Amino acid sequence: MDQELLDHIRDYLNDQCTLQDLEAWLLSNLQRILDSGDEKAIAHANEIDADLVELGEGIIDELTLQKHLQGFISERDTILVSSPDIEPVATAVTTASDKTIPVPA
């Protein structure tokens, strides 16, 4: 079910359907999504429904909605790989400053 929802999101993001088409599809299939038991599809549908309400109320704009929807696509297309034979990579965080620190001679 989640794949079908993501396909409709992708269609909207690729200008193959309008926002109204996506919204109509979501509303007409919401009960089917809920009945499917597909937790990801249900979570995505709930988030999209909330975004559509916020869009309608002017809290977010369509570009923000599109970025959020793109996040669903990116999440689905990201593959996490783990292996017990591979050590985790340490992450270092650095910052930059515009202050000069004198170095002792």
PDB file of N, CA and C in Angstrom:
ATOM      1  N   MET A   1       0.831  -1.197   0.000  1.00  0.00           N
ATOM      2  CA  MET A   1       0.000   0.000   0.000  1.00  0.00           C
ATOM      3  C   MET A   1       0.873   1.257   0.000  1.00  0.00           C
ATOM      4  N   ASP A   2       1.964   1.208   0.780  1.00  0.00           N
ATOM      5  CA  ASP A   2       2.847   2.362   0.843  1.00  0.00           C
ATOM      6  C   ASP A   2       3.445   2.655  -0.528  1.00  0.00           C
ATOM      7  N   GLN A   3       3.781   1.606  -1.267  1.00  0.00           N
ATOM      8  CA  GLN A   3       4.355   1.816  -2.597  1.00  0.00           C
ATOM      9  C   GLN A   3       3.364   2.532  -3.511  1.00  0.00           C
ATOM     10  N   GLU A   4       2.101   2.172  -3.428  1.00  0.00           N
ATOM     11  CA  GLU A   4       1.076   2.829  -4.254  1.00  0.00           C
ATOM     12  C   GLU A   4       0.960   4.309  -3.883  1.00  0.00           C
ATOM     13  N   LEU A   5       0.990   4.601  -2.584  1.00  0.00           N
ATOM     14  CA  LEU A   5       0.948   5.985  -2.132  1.00  0.00           C
ATOM     15  C   LEU A   5       2.177   6.752  -2.627  1.00  0.00           C
ATOM     16  N   LEU A   6       3.345   6.141  -2.512  1.00  0.00           N
ATOM     17  CA  LEU A   6       4.570   6.791  -2.980  1.00  0.00           C
ATOM     18  C   LEU A   6       4.550   7.005  -4.494  1.00  0.00           C
ATOM     19  N   ASP A   7       3.949   6.086  -5.223  1.00  0.00           N
ATOM     20  CA  ASP A   7       3.823   6.267  -6.679  1.00  0.00           C
ATOM     21  C   ASP A   7       2.987   7.506  -7.002  1.00  0.00           C
ATOM     22  N   HIS A   8       1.911   7.733  -6.248  1.00  0.00           N
ATOM     23  CA  HIS A   8       1.072   8.912  -6.475  1.00  0.00           C
ATOM     24  C   HIS A   8       1.817  10.185  -6.068  1.00  0.00           C
ATOM     25  N   ILE A   9       2.583  10.106  -5.002  1.00  0.00           N
ATOM     26  CA  ILE A   9       3.404  11.258  -4.602  1.00  0.00           C
ATOM     27  C   ILE A   9       4.404  11.581  -5.705  1.00  0.00           C
ATOM     28  N   ARG A  10       5.057  10.553  -6.226  1.00  0.00           N
ATOM     29  CA  ARG A  10       6.046  10.735  -7.299  1.00  0.00           C
ATOM     30  C   ARG A  10       5.388  11.344  -8.534  1.00  0.00           C
ATOM     31  N   ASP A  11       4.185  10.888  -8.865  1.00  0.00           N
ATOM     32  CA  ASP A  11       3.461  11.460 -10.002  1.00  0.00           C
ATOM     33  C   ASP A  11       3.244  12.959  -9.805  1.00  0.00           C
ATOM     34  N   TYR A  12       2.845  13.352  -8.602  1.00  0.00           N
ATOM     35  CA  TYR A  12       2.631  14.769  -8.326  1.00  0.00           C
ATOM     36  C   TYR A  12       3.947  15.545  -8.436  1.00  0.00           C
ATOM     37  N   LEU A  13       5.011  15.012  -7.830  1.00  0.00           N
ATOM     38  CA  LEU A  13       6.291  15.714  -7.850  1.00  0.00           C
ATOM     39  C   LEU A  13       6.869  15.816  -9.260  1.00  0.00           C
ATOM     40  N   ASN A  14       6.505  14.881 -10.131  1.00  0.00           N
ATOM     41  CA  ASN A  14       6.978  14.899 -11.525  1.00  0.00           C
ATOM     42  C   ASN A  14       5.983  15.565 -12.465  1.00  0.00           C
ATOM     43  N   ASP A  15       5.036  16.309 -11.902  1.00  0.00           N
ATOM     44  CA  ASP A  15       4.029  17.040 -12.684  1.00  0.00           C
ATOM     45  C   ASP A  15       3.187  16.136 -13.581  1.00  0.00           C
ATOM     46  N   GLN A  16       2.979  14.910 -13.140  1.00  0.00           N
ATOM     47  CA  GLN A  16       2.120  13.998 -13.897  1.00  0.00           C
ATOM     48  C   GLN A  16       0.688  14.015 -13.368  1.00  0.00           C
ATOM     49  N   CYS A  17       0.488  14.697 -12.239  1.00  0.00           N
ATOM     50  CA  CYS A  17      -0.856  14.946 -11.729  1.00  0.00           C
ATOM     51  C   CYS A  17      -0.791  16.213 -10.883  1.00  0.00           C
ATOM     52  N   THR A  18      -1.934  16.785 -10.611  1.00  0.00           N
ATOM     53  CA  THR A  18      -1.986  18.017  -9.834  1.00  0.00           C
ATOM     54  C   THR A  18      -2.045  17.706  -8.344  1.00  0.00           C
ATOM     55  N   LEU A  19      -1.865  18.738  -7.558  1.00  0.00           N
ATOM     56  CA  LEU A  19      -2.017  18.590  -6.112  1.00  0.00           C
ATOM     57  C   LEU A  19      -3.443  18.158  -5.784  1.00  0.00           C
ATOM     58  N   GLN A  20      -4.397  18.700  -6.512  1.00  0.00           N
ATOM     59  CA  GLN A  20      -5.796  18.319  -6.292  1.00  0.00           C
ATOM     60  C   GLN A  20      -6.016  16.834  -6.607  1.00  0.00           C
ATOM     61  N   ASP A  21      -5.330  16.332  -7.646  1.00  0.00           N
ATOM     62  CA  ASP A  21      -5.435  14.906  -7.972  1.00  0.00           C
ATOM     63  C   ASP A  21      -4.875  14.047  -6.838  1.00  0.00           C
ATOM     64  N   LEU A  22      -3.723  14.461  -6.308  1.00  0.00           N
ATOM     65  CA  LEU A  22      -3.109  13.717  -5.206  1.00  0.00           C
ATOM     66  C   LEU A  22      -4.019  13.740  -3.986  1.00  0.00           C
ATOM     67  N   GLU A  23      -4.538  14.914  -3.681  1.00  0.00           N
ATOM     68  CA  GLU A  23      -5.425  15.052  -2.524  1.00  0.00           C
ATOM     69  C   GLU A  23      -6.690  14.211  -2.702  1.00  0.00           C
ATOM     70  N   ALA A  24      -7.277  14.234  -3.884  1.00  0.00           N
ATOM     71  CA  ALA A  24      -8.480  13.442  -4.155  1.00  0.00           C
ATOM     72  C   ALA A  24      -8.191  11.955  -4.027  1.00  0.00           C
ATOM     73  N   TRP A  25      -7.032  11.516  -4.560  1.00  0.00           N
ATOM     74  CA  TRP A  25      -6.674  10.099  -4.454  1.00  0.00           C
ATOM     75  C   TRP A  25      -6.502   9.706  -2.997  1.00  0.00           C
ATOM     76  N   LEU A  26      -5.800  10.554  -2.228  1.00  0.00           N
ATOM     77  CA  LEU A  26      -5.563  10.253  -0.822  1.00  0.00           C
ATOM     78  C   LEU A  26      -6.880  10.151  -0.062  1.00  0.00           C
ATOM     79  N   LEU A  27      -7.757  11.114  -0.258  1.00  0.00           N
ATOM     80  CA  LEU A  27      -9.028  11.112   0.465  1.00  0.00           C
ATOM     81  C   LEU A  27      -9.902   9.926   0.075  1.00  0.00           C
ATOM     82  N   SER A  28      -9.904   9.581  -1.198  1.00  0.00           N
ATOM     83  CA  SER A  28     -10.750   8.460  -1.625  1.00  0.00           C
ATOM     84  C   SER A  28     -10.154   7.110  -1.237  1.00  0.00           C
ATOM     85  N   ASN A  29      -8.876   7.071  -0.900  1.00  0.00           N
ATOM     86  CA  ASN A  29      -8.240   5.804  -0.526  1.00  0.00           C
ATOM     87  C   ASN A  29      -7.815   5.744   0.938  1.00  0.00           C
ATOM     88  N   LEU A  30      -8.156   6.765   1.708  1.00  0.00           N
ATOM     89  CA  LEU A  30      -7.712   6.834   3.096  1.00  0.00           C
ATOM     90  C   LEU A  30      -8.195   5.636   3.912  1.00  0.00           C
ATOM     91  N   GLN A  31      -9.452   5.268   3.762  1.00  0.00           N
ATOM     92  CA  GLN A  31      -9.965   4.129   4.533  1.00  0.00           C
ATOM     93  C   GLN A  31      -9.274   2.837   4.117  1.00  0.00           C
ATOM     94  N   ARG A  32      -9.001   2.695   2.829  1.00  0.00           N
ATOM     95  CA  ARG A  32      -8.298   1.503   2.341  1.00  0.00           C
ATOM     96  C   ARG A  32      -6.882   1.444   2.922  1.00  0.00           C
ATOM     97  N   ILE A  33      -6.238   2.604   3.015  1.00  0.00           N
ATOM     98  CA  ILE A  33      -4.889   2.669   3.602  1.00  0.00           C
ATOM     99  C   ILE A  33      -4.951   2.266   5.072  1.00  0.00           C
ATOM    100  N   LEU A  34      -5.919   2.819   5.798  1.00  0.00           N
ATOM    101  CA  LEU A  34      -6.060   2.487   7.218  1.00  0.00           C
ATOM    102  C   LEU A  34      -6.365   0.999   7.417  1.00  0.00           C
ATOM    103  N   ASP A  35      -7.219   0.446   6.569  1.00  0.00           N
ATOM    104  CA  ASP A  35      -7.586  -0.967   6.675  1.00  0.00           C
ATOM    105  C   ASP A  35      -6.448  -1.899   6.281  1.00  0.00           C
ATOM    106  N   SER A  36      -5.479  -1.388   5.515  1.00  0.00           N
ATOM    107  CA  SER A  36      -4.387  -2.243   5.036  1.00  0.00           C
ATOM    108  C   SER A  36      -3.479  -2.704   6.167  1.00  0.00           C
ATOM    109  N   GLY A  37      -3.415  -1.925   7.238  1.00  0.00           N
ATOM    110  CA  GLY A  37      -2.515  -2.269   8.325  1.00  0.00           C
ATOM    111  C   GLY A  37      -1.058  -1.946   8.023  1.00  0.00           C
ATOM    112  N   ASP A  38      -0.793  -1.367   6.868  1.00  0.00           N
ATOM    113  CA  ASP A  38       0.566  -0.998   6.473  1.00  0.00           C
ATOM    114  C   ASP A  38       0.955   0.245   7.274  1.00  0.00           C
ATOM    115  N   GLU A  39       1.779   0.040   8.308  1.00  0.00           N
ATOM    116  CA  GLU A  39       2.099   1.130   9.229  1.00  0.00           C
ATOM    117  C   GLU A  39       2.772   2.312   8.550  1.00  0.00           C
ATOM    118  N   LYS A  40       3.664   2.034   7.599  1.00  0.00           N
ATOM    119  CA  LYS A  40       4.329   3.131   6.892  1.00  0.00           C
ATOM    120  C   LYS A  40       3.331   3.926   6.061  1.00  0.00           C
ATOM    121  N   ALA A  41       2.465   3.232   5.347  1.00  0.00           N
ATOM    122  CA  ALA A  41       1.464   3.908   4.520  1.00  0.00           C
ATOM    123  C   ALA A  41       0.535   4.750   5.393  1.00  0.00           C
ATOM    124  N   ILE A  42       0.145   4.206   6.529  1.00  0.00           N
ATOM    125  CA  ILE A  42      -0.743   4.940   7.442  1.00  0.00           C
ATOM    126  C   ILE A  42      -0.040   6.187   7.968  1.00  0.00           C
ATOM    127  N   ALA A  43       1.213   6.046   8.377  1.00  0.00           N
ATOM    128  CA  ALA A  43       1.974   7.188   8.886  1.00  0.00           C
ATOM    129  C   ALA A  43       2.147   8.249   7.802  1.00  0.00           C
ATOM    130  N   HIS A  44       2.498   7.806   6.588  1.00  0.00           N
ATOM    131  CA  HIS A  44       2.665   8.759   5.481  1.00  0.00           C
ATOM    132  C   HIS A  44       1.345   9.462   5.164  1.00  0.00           C
ATOM    133  N   ALA A  45       0.263   8.702   5.102  1.00  0.00           N
ATOM    134  CA  ALA A  45      -1.048   9.284   4.786  1.00  0.00           C
ATOM    135  C   ALA A  45      -1.452  10.305   5.845  1.00  0.00           C
ATOM    136  N   ASN A  46      -1.209   9.987   7.107  1.00  0.00           N
ATOM    137  CA  ASN A  46      -1.544  10.924   8.183  1.00  0.00           C
ATOM    138  C   ASN A  46      -0.715  12.203   8.079  1.00  0.00           C
ATOM    139  N   GLU A  47       0.573  12.063   7.782  1.00  0.00           N
ATOM    140  CA  GLU A  47       1.439  13.238   7.650  1.00  0.00           C
ATOM    141  C   GLU A  47       1.028  14.099   6.451  1.00  0.00           C
ATOM    142  N   ILE A  48       0.713  13.436   5.346  1.00  0.00           N
ATOM    143  CA  ILE A  48       0.294  14.183   4.154  1.00  0.00           C
ATOM    144  C   ILE A  48      -1.030  14.894   4.405  1.00  0.00           C
ATOM    145  N   ASP A  49      -1.944  14.202   5.065  1.00  0.00           N
ATOM    146  CA  ASP A  49      -3.232  14.807   5.387  1.00  0.00           C
ATOM    147  C   ASP A  49      -3.029  16.047   6.262  1.00  0.00           C
ATOM    148  N   ALA A  50      -2.151  15.951   7.253  1.00  0.00           N
ATOM    149  CA  ALA A  50      -1.862  17.102   8.118  1.00  0.00           C
ATOM    150  C   ALA A  50      -1.224  18.235   7.309  1.00  0.00           C
ATOM    151  N   ASP A  51      -0.312  17.882   6.404  1.00  0.00           N
ATOM    152  CA  ASP A  51       0.319  18.895   5.553  1.00  0.00           C
ATOM    153  C   ASP A  51      -0.713  19.593   4.668  1.00  0.00           C
ATOM    154  N   LEU A  52      -1.647  18.830   4.132  1.00  0.00           N
ATOM    155  CA  LEU A  52      -2.677  19.414   3.276  1.00  0.00           C
ATOM    156  C   LEU A  52      -3.560  20.388   4.063  1.00  0.00           C
ATOM    157  N   VAL A  53      -3.853  20.044   5.313  1.00  0.00           N
ATOM    158  CA  VAL A  53      -4.624  20.952   6.168  1.00  0.00           C
ATOM    159  C   VAL A  53      -3.817  22.227   6.401  1.00  0.00           C
ATOM    160  N   GLU A  54      -2.521  22.071   6.731  1.00  0.00           N
ATOM    161  CA  GLU A  54      -1.665  23.247   6.957  1.00  0.00           C
ATOM    162  C   GLU A  54      -1.541  24.098   5.685  1.00  0.00           C
ATOM    163  N   LEU A  55      -1.460  23.448   4.542  1.00  0.00           N
ATOM    164  CA  LEU A  55      -1.407  24.181   3.276  1.00  0.00           C
ATOM    165  C   LEU A  55      -2.692  24.984   3.081  1.00  0.00           C
ATOM    166  N   GLY A  56      -3.824  24.354   3.332  1.00  0.00           N
ATOM    167  CA  GLY A  56      -5.113  25.022   3.185  1.00  0.00           C
ATOM    168  C   GLY A  56      -5.284  26.198   4.126  1.00  0.00           C
ATOM    169  N   GLU A  57      -4.661  26.107   5.300  1.00  0.00           N
ATOM    170  CA  GLU A  57      -4.760  27.182   6.283  1.00  0.00           C
ATOM    171  C   GLU A  57      -3.670  28.236   6.097  1.00  0.00           C
ATOM    172  N   GLY A  58      -2.790  28.024   5.126  1.00  0.00           N
ATOM    173  CA  GLY A  58      -1.739  28.990   4.864  1.00  0.00           C
ATOM    174  C   GLY A  58      -0.560  28.904   5.824  1.00  0.00           C
ATOM    175  N   ILE A  59      -0.481  27.842   6.597  1.00  0.00           N
ATOM    176  CA  ILE A  59       0.628  27.667   7.544  1.00  0.00           C
ATOM    177  C   ILE A  59       1.909  27.294   6.800  1.00  0.00           C
ATOM    178  N   ILE A  60       1.767  26.492   5.751  1.00  0.00           N
ATOM    179  CA  ILE A  60       2.899  26.146   4.890  1.00  0.00           C
ATOM    180  C   ILE A  60       2.528  26.492   3.456  1.00  0.00           C
ATOM    181  N   ASP A  61       3.540  26.584   2.599  1.00  0.00           N
ATOM    182  CA  ASP A  61       3.269  26.822   1.187  1.00  0.00           C
ATOM    183  C   ASP A  61       3.474  25.518   0.409  1.00  0.00           C
ATOM    184  N   GLU A  62       3.166  25.563  -0.873  1.00  0.00           N
ATOM    185  CA  GLU A  62       3.242  24.335  -1.670  1.00  0.00           C
ATOM    186  C   GLU A  62       4.677  23.841  -1.810  1.00  0.00           C
ATOM    187  N   LEU A  63       5.635  24.740  -1.834  1.00  0.00           N
ATOM    188  CA  LEU A  63       7.040  24.331  -1.920  1.00  0.00           C
ATOM    189  C   LEU A  63       7.447  23.532  -0.681  1.00  0.00           C
ATOM    190  N   THR A  64       6.993  23.961   0.481  1.00  0.00           N
ATOM    191  CA  THR A  64       7.277  23.226   1.719  1.00  0.00           C
ATOM    192  C   THR A  64       6.641  21.839   1.664  1.00  0.00           C
ATOM    193  N   LEU A  65       5.416  21.779   1.178  1.00  0.00           N
ATOM    194  CA  LEU A  65       4.745  20.487   1.015  1.00  0.00           C
ATOM    195  C   LEU A  65       5.543  19.591   0.080  1.00  0.00           C
ATOM    196  N   GLN A  66       5.992  20.138  -1.042  1.00  0.00           N
ATOM    197  CA  GLN A  66       6.757  19.340  -2.003  1.00  0.00           C
ATOM    198  C   GLN A  66       8.051  18.813  -1.389  1.00  0.00           C
ATOM    199  N   LYS A  67       8.725  19.634  -0.590  1.00  0.00           N
ATOM    200  CA  LYS A  67       9.955  19.183   0.072  1.00  0.00           C
ATOM    201  C   LYS A  67       9.664  18.051   1.036  1.00  0.00           C
ATOM    202  N   HIS A  68       8.558  18.163   1.764  1.00  0.00           N
ATOM    203  CA  HIS A  68       8.175  17.107   2.698  1.00  0.00           C
ATOM    204  C   HIS A  68       7.856  15.813   1.947  1.00  0.00           C
ATOM    205  N   LEU A  69       7.113  15.937   0.855  1.00  0.00           N
ATOM    206  CA  LEU A  69       6.778  14.759   0.050  1.00  0.00           C
ATOM    207  C   LEU A  69       8.037  14.138  -0.555  1.00  0.00           C
ATOM    208  N   GLN A  70       8.970  14.984  -0.979  1.00  0.00           N
ATOM    209  CA  GLN A  70      10.231  14.474  -1.529  1.00  0.00           C
ATOM    210  C   GLN A  70      10.985  13.673  -0.476  1.00  0.00           C
ATOM    211  N   GLY A  71      10.840  14.063   0.779  1.00  0.00           N
ATOM    212  CA  GLY A  71      11.463  13.322   1.877  1.00  0.00           C
ATOM    213  C   GLY A  71      10.954  11.888   1.954  1.00  0.00           C
ATOM    214  N   PHE A  72       9.667  11.683   1.681  1.00  0.00           N
ATOM    215  CA  PHE A  72       9.120  10.319   1.674  1.00  0.00           C
ATOM    216  C   PHE A  72       9.763   9.484   0.571  1.00  0.00           C
ATOM    217  N   ILE A  73       9.937  10.103  -0.591  1.00  0.00           N
ATOM    218  CA  ILE A  73      10.547   9.406  -1.724  1.00  0.00           C
ATOM    219  C   ILE A  73      12.007   9.092  -1.408  1.00  0.00           C
ATOM    220  N   SER A  74      12.726  10.065  -0.870  1.00  0.00           N
ATOM    221  CA  SER A  74      14.140   9.862  -0.533  1.00  0.00           C
ATOM    222  C   SER A  74      14.298   8.789   0.529  1.00  0.00           C
ATOM    223  N   GLU A  75      13.410   8.793   1.510  1.00  0.00           N
ATOM    224  CA  GLU A  75      13.444   7.794   2.579  1.00  0.00           C
ATOM    225  C   GLU A  75      13.275   6.393   1.998  1.00  0.00           C
ATOM    226  N   ARG A  76      12.378   6.268   1.047  1.00  0.00           N
ATOM    227  CA  ARG A  76      12.108   4.975   0.437  1.00  0.00           C
ATOM    228  C   ARG A  76      13.272   4.525  -0.442  1.00  0.00           C
ATOM    229  N   ASP A  77      13.941   5.496  -1.097  1.00  0.00           N
ATOM    230  CA  ASP A  77      15.029   5.162  -2.008  1.00  0.00           C
ATOM    231  C   ASP A  77      16.372   4.997  -1.306  1.00  0.00           C
ATOM    232  N   THR A  78      16.423   5.278   0.001  1.00  0.00           N
ATOM    233  CA  THR A  78      17.661   5.134   0.756  1.00  0.00           C
ATOM    234  C   THR A  78      17.767   3.710   1.276  1.00  0.00           C
ATOM    235  N   ILE A  79      18.908   3.122   1.063  1.00  0.00           N
ATOM    236  CA  ILE A  79      19.134   1.749   1.522  1.00  0.00           C
ATOM    237  C   ILE A  79      20.162   1.797   2.642  1.00  0.00           C
ATOM    238  N   LEU A  80      19.782   1.287   3.795  1.00  0.00           N
ATOM    239  CA  LEU A  80      20.708   1.224   4.910  1.00  0.00           C
ATOM    240  C   LEU A  80      21.362  -0.150   4.917  1.00  0.00           C
ATOM    241  N   VAL A  81      22.676  -0.156   5.016  1.00  0.00           N
ATOM    242  CA  VAL A  81      23.418  -1.407   4.996  1.00  0.00           C
ATOM    243  C   VAL A  81      24.175  -1.531   6.300  1.00  0.00           C
ATOM    244  N   SER A  82      24.079  -2.683   6.926  1.00  0.00           N
ATOM    245  CA  SER A  82      24.888  -2.918   8.109  1.00  0.00           C
ATOM    246  C   SER A  82      25.485  -4.304   8.002  1.00  0.00           C
ATOM    247  N   SER A  83      26.650  -4.427   8.558  1.00  0.00           N
ATOM    248  CA  SER A  83      27.348  -5.709   8.530  1.00  0.00           C
ATOM    249  C   SER A  83      28.085  -5.867   9.840  1.00  0.00           C
ATOM    250  N   PRO A  84      28.011  -7.035  10.448  1.00  0.00           N
ATOM    251  CA  PRO A  84      28.719  -7.234  11.710  1.00  0.00           C
ATOM    252  C   PRO A  84      30.242  -7.179  11.540  1.00  0.00           C
ATOM    253  N   ASP A  85      30.745  -7.327  10.313  1.00  0.00           N
ATOM    254  CA  ASP A  85      32.184  -7.326  10.065  1.00  0.00           C
ATOM    255  C   ASP A  85      32.753  -5.929   9.852  1.00  0.00           C
ATOM    256  N   ILE A  86      31.891  -4.929   9.768  1.00  0.00           N
ATOM    257  CA  ILE A  86      32.350  -3.574   9.475  1.00  0.00           C
ATOM    258  C   ILE A  86      32.242  -2.728  10.731  1.00  0.00           C
ATOM    259  N   GLU A  87      33.347  -2.069  11.068  1.00  0.00           N
ATOM    260  CA  GLU A  87      33.359  -1.185  12.227  1.00  0.00           C
ATOM    261  C   GLU A  87      32.619   0.102  11.888  1.00  0.00           C
ATOM    262  N   PRO A  88      31.892   0.667  12.837  1.00  0.00           N
ATOM    263  CA  PRO A  88      31.228   1.951  12.571  1.00  0.00           C
ATOM    264  C   PRO A  88      32.260   3.041  12.300  1.00  0.00           C
ATOM    265  N   VAL A  89      31.883   3.968  11.462  1.00  0.00           N
ATOM    266  CA  VAL A  89      32.754   5.082  11.120  1.00  0.00           C
ATOM    267  C   VAL A  89      32.562   6.186  12.150  1.00  0.00           C
ATOM    268  N   ALA A  90      33.668   6.688  12.683  1.00  0.00           N
ATOM    269  CA  ALA A  90      33.585   7.796  13.633  1.00  0.00           C
ATOM    270  C   ALA A  90      33.375   9.088  12.854  1.00  0.00           C
ATOM    271  N   THR A  91      32.522   9.934  13.384  1.00  0.00           N
ATOM    272  CA  THR A  91      32.239  11.206  12.737  1.00  0.00           C
ATOM    273  C   THR A  91      32.892  12.321  13.535  1.00  0.00           C
ATOM    274  N   ALA A  92      33.606  13.166  12.844  1.00  0.00           N
ATOM    275  CA  ALA A  92      34.230  14.321  13.494  1.00  0.00           C
ATOM    276  C   ALA A  92      33.465  15.568  13.092  1.00  0.00           C
ATOM    277  N   VAL A  93      33.264  16.443  14.045  1.00  0.00           N
ATOM    278  CA  VAL A  93      32.567  17.695  13.779  1.00  0.00           C
ATOM    279  C   VAL A  93      33.555  18.830  13.995  1.00  0.00           C
ATOM    280  N   THR A  94      33.641  19.717  13.035  1.00  0.00           N
ATOM    281  CA  THR A  94      34.524  20.870  13.166  1.00  0.00           C
ATOM    282  C   THR A  94      33.724  22.138  12.971  1.00  0.00           C
ATOM    283  N   THR A  95      34.246  23.213  13.490  1.00  0.00           N
ATOM    284  CA  THR A  95      33.594  24.504  13.295  1.00  0.00           C
ATOM    285  C   THR A  95      34.638  25.496  12.814  1.00  0.00           C
ATOM    286  N   ALA A  96      34.187  26.548  12.232  1.00  0.00           N
ATOM    287  CA  ALA A  96      35.088  27.602  11.759  1.00  0.00           C
ATOM    288  C   ALA A  96      34.816  28.862  12.546  1.00  0.00           C
ATOM    289  N   SER A  97      35.843  29.666  12.689  1.00  0.00           N
ATOM    290  CA  SER A  97      35.705  30.916  13.411  1.00  0.00           C
ATOM    291  C   SER A  97      36.441  32.011  12.651  1.00  0.00           C
ATOM    292  N   ASP A  98      35.951  33.227  12.821  1.00  0.00           N
ATOM    293  CA  ASP A  98      36.627  34.328  12.166  1.00  0.00           C
ATOM    294  C   ASP A  98      37.640  35.006  13.101  1.00  0.00           C
ATOM    295  N   LYS A  99      37.864  34.401  14.269  1.00  0.00           N
ATOM    296  CA  LYS A  99      38.821  34.947  15.221  1.00  0.00           C
ATOM    297  C   LYS A  99      40.188  34.320  14.998  1.00  0.00           C
ATOM    298  N   THR A 100      41.216  35.135  15.117  1.00  0.00           N
ATOM    299  CA  THR A 100      42.588  34.659  14.977  1.00  0.00           C
ATOM    300  C   THR A 100      43.139  34.333  16.349  1.00  0.00           C
ATOM    301  N   ILE A 101      43.703  33.165  16.461  1.00  0.00           N
ATOM    302  CA  ILE A 101      44.306  32.759  17.732  1.00  0.00           C
ATOM    303  C   ILE A 101      45.813  32.749  17.542  1.00  0.00           C
ATOM    304  N   PRO A 102      46.526  33.536  18.363  1.00  0.00           N
ATOM    305  CA  PRO A 102      47.989  33.579  18.210  1.00  0.00           C
ATOM    306  C   PRO A 102      48.603  32.249  18.595  1.00  0.00           C
ATOM    307  N   VAL A 103      49.591  31.832  17.833  1.00  0.00           N
ATOM    308  CA  VAL A 103      50.293  30.577  18.087  1.00  0.00           C
ATOM    309  C   VAL A 103      51.626  30.933  18.729  1.00  0.00           C
ATOM    310  N   PRO A 104      51.929  30.336  19.911  1.00  0.00           N
ATOM    311  CA  PRO A 104      53.192  30.631  20.554  1.00  0.00           C
ATOM    312  C   PRO A 104      54.366  30.203  19.678  1.00  0.00           C
ATOM    313  N   ALA A 105      55.438  31.009  19.710  1.00  0.00           N
ATOM    314  CA  ALA A 105      56.612  30.714  18.891  1.00  0.00           C
ATOM    315  C   ALA A 105      57.505  29.701  19.554  1.00  0.00           C
TER     316      ALA A 105
END
